[in-house]
Each structure stands twice: as structure tokens, then as C-alpha cells.
């Protein structure tokens, strides 16, 4: 899966990413577009390893919204990739979903 990083304010589009990808974003089916689907894939796929980026713990969740309307494409099941789909317990609300995601993280001495 590929994340589109939040751009610096002086840029109007993430041109630097498009240059690296041959002028296109990655395949729509490979983009991060569902918290629940990604969680399920990590739990059931022995080769699927992910780590949460700092934005999950240090932001209000705006990084999960495609506020610029970037053309991220259409998946094979014909769904358009736009905002990241929140897990069911968030009820579509970033103010509920993102704090619950960060509060549920396991802490250990190796993370301090």
C-alpha cells in the first residue's frame, strides 16, 4: 500500500511524487483506503507487515481525507479511491475514529 504524504504548503500538487511514479499515482488497489481492510489484511496475511505513521498519533485525522481531490483512480471492484474509509466504530467521524485508533496502540518499553 502507498500513502500520499501531506504536501508542503507552497506546492499545489504533489509533483515530486508523480515524477517518481511515471506521472501517475500507484495502482488504486494498492493505495491505503480502508483502516478496517488494512487491519484485517495485517492480521490474516503473514507477509503483510505495516506500521502506523506518526500522523495516526499526532493529528486530528485530516491526513485520511483527500481534501485536494487528487485523482487516485478506480479499484478493480469499480469503487473510486478518495478518502480513507474509517472503521465501523468511528461511525464516519474523524473526531471519534482517530483518537480511538491512537488510544488503542500497545505501548511497551521499546516505544518510549
Protein backbone atom coordinates (compact mmCIF):
# COMPACT_ATOMS: atom_id res chain seq x y z
CA UNK A 1 0.00 0.00 0.00
CA UNK A 2 1.13 3.51 -0.71
CA UNK A 3 0.46 6.67 1.25
CA UNK A 4 0.30 10.13 -0.30
CA UNK A 5 2.13 12.35 2.16
CA UNK A 6 0.72 15.74 3.10
CA UNK A 7 2.44 18.26 0.90
CA UNK A 8 4.33 21.36 1.99
CA UNK A 9 2.02 24.42 1.79
CA UNK A 10 3.97 26.01 -1.08
CA UNK A 11 3.12 23.20 -3.52
CA UNK A 12 -0.26 22.97 -5.21
CA UNK A 13 0.03 19.28 -6.12
CA UNK A 14 2.49 16.56 -5.10
CA UNK A 15 4.54 16.86 -8.30
CA UNK A 16 7.54 15.22 -6.67
CA UNK A 17 5.55 12.01 -6.12
CA UNK A 18 4.22 11.95 -9.64
CA UNK A 19 7.72 12.25 -11.06
CA UNK A 20 8.75 9.14 -9.15
CA UNK A 21 5.69 7.20 -10.31
CA UNK A 22 5.90 7.95 -14.02
CA UNK A 23 3.29 10.71 -13.85
CA UNK A 24 0.66 8.57 -12.09
CA UNK A 25 -0.22 7.59 -8.57
CA UNK A 26 0.22 3.93 -7.67
CA UNK A 27 -2.37 1.31 -8.65
CA UNK A 28 -5.67 2.19 -6.89
CA UNK A 29 -5.98 -1.29 -5.35
CA UNK A 30 -2.60 -0.83 -3.65
CA UNK A 31 -3.40 2.54 -2.06
CA UNK A 32 -4.32 2.76 1.64
CA UNK A 33 -8.06 3.32 1.52
CA UNK A 34 -9.62 1.42 4.45
CA UNK A 35 -8.49 1.14 8.07
CA UNK A 36 -10.60 -1.98 8.67
CA UNK A 37 -9.48 -3.73 5.48
CA UNK A 38 -5.83 -2.99 6.19
CA UNK A 39 -6.19 -4.21 9.78
CA UNK A 40 -7.76 -7.46 8.57
CA UNK A 41 -5.02 -7.97 5.97
CA UNK A 42 -2.30 -7.47 8.58
CA UNK A 43 -3.95 -9.92 10.99
CA UNK A 44 -4.53 -12.65 8.41
CA UNK A 45 -1.69 -12.21 5.92
CA UNK A 46 1.62 -13.49 7.21
CA UNK A 47 3.55 -11.44 4.64
CA UNK A 48 1.57 -8.21 5.20
CA UNK A 49 3.52 -6.04 7.63
CA UNK A 50 2.66 -2.41 8.32
CA UNK A 51 3.44 0.23 10.89
CA UNK A 52 1.36 3.26 11.79
CA UNK A 53 2.80 6.56 10.65
CA UNK A 54 3.12 9.39 13.22
CA UNK A 55 0.05 11.15 11.80
CA UNK A 56 -2.15 8.47 13.38
CA UNK A 57 -0.99 9.66 16.81
CA UNK A 58 -0.23 13.34 16.27
CA UNK A 59 -3.01 14.70 14.08
CA UNK A 60 -6.75 15.14 14.01
CA UNK A 61 -7.04 12.72 11.10
CA UNK A 62 -7.02 15.23 8.25
CA UNK A 63 -4.41 13.06 6.51
CA UNK A 64 -7.16 10.47 5.91
CA UNK A 65 -9.15 12.91 3.76
CA UNK A 66 -8.36 13.57 0.09
CA UNK A 67 -9.07 17.29 0.55
CA UNK A 68 -7.37 18.20 -2.73
CA UNK A 69 -9.47 15.76 -4.74
CA UNK A 70 -6.37 14.05 -6.13
CA UNK A 71 -7.20 11.58 -8.93
CA UNK A 72 -6.31 8.36 -7.10
CA UNK A 73 -8.13 6.13 -9.56
CA UNK A 74 -10.75 3.38 -9.52
CA UNK A 75 -10.22 -0.03 -7.95
CA UNK A 76 -10.93 -3.30 -9.75
CA UNK A 77 -14.30 -3.54 -7.97
CA UNK A 78 -15.20 -0.19 -9.65
CA UNK A 79 -15.06 1.88 -6.44
CA UNK A 80 -13.38 5.27 -6.71
CA UNK A 81 -10.48 5.84 -4.31
CA UNK A 82 -10.99 9.07 -2.36
CA UNK A 83 -10.97 9.37 1.44
CA UNK A 84 -9.73 6.57 3.69
CA UNK A 85 -12.66 4.53 4.97
CA UNK A 86 -12.79 4.64 8.76
CA UNK A 87 -13.50 1.51 10.84
CA UNK A 88 -17.16 0.89 11.80
CA UNK A 89 -16.72 2.07 15.41
CA UNK A 90 -15.77 5.56 14.17
CA UNK A 91 -19.23 5.98 12.60
CA UNK A 92 -17.68 8.08 9.82
CA UNK A 93 -16.42 10.70 12.27
CA UNK A 94 -12.70 11.59 12.39
CA UNK A 95 -13.15 13.11 15.85
CA UNK A 96 -14.22 9.69 17.15
CA UNK A 97 -12.17 7.34 14.99
CA UNK A 98 -8.67 8.82 15.12
CA UNK A 99 -8.46 9.19 18.94
CA UNK A 100 -9.68 5.60 19.33
CA UNK A 101 -7.03 4.39 16.90
CA UNK A 102 -4.27 6.13 18.81
CA UNK A 103 -5.61 5.19 22.26
CA UNK A 104 -5.66 1.53 21.26
CA UNK A 105 -1.99 1.32 20.45
CA UNK A 106 0.09 -1.03 22.56
CA UNK A 107 2.85 0.68 24.47
CA UNK A 108 5.98 -1.03 25.56
CA UNK A 109 9.39 -0.03 26.85
CA UNK A 110 10.76 -0.30 23.30
CA UNK A 111 8.50 2.58 22.18
CA UNK A 112 9.42 5.03 24.93
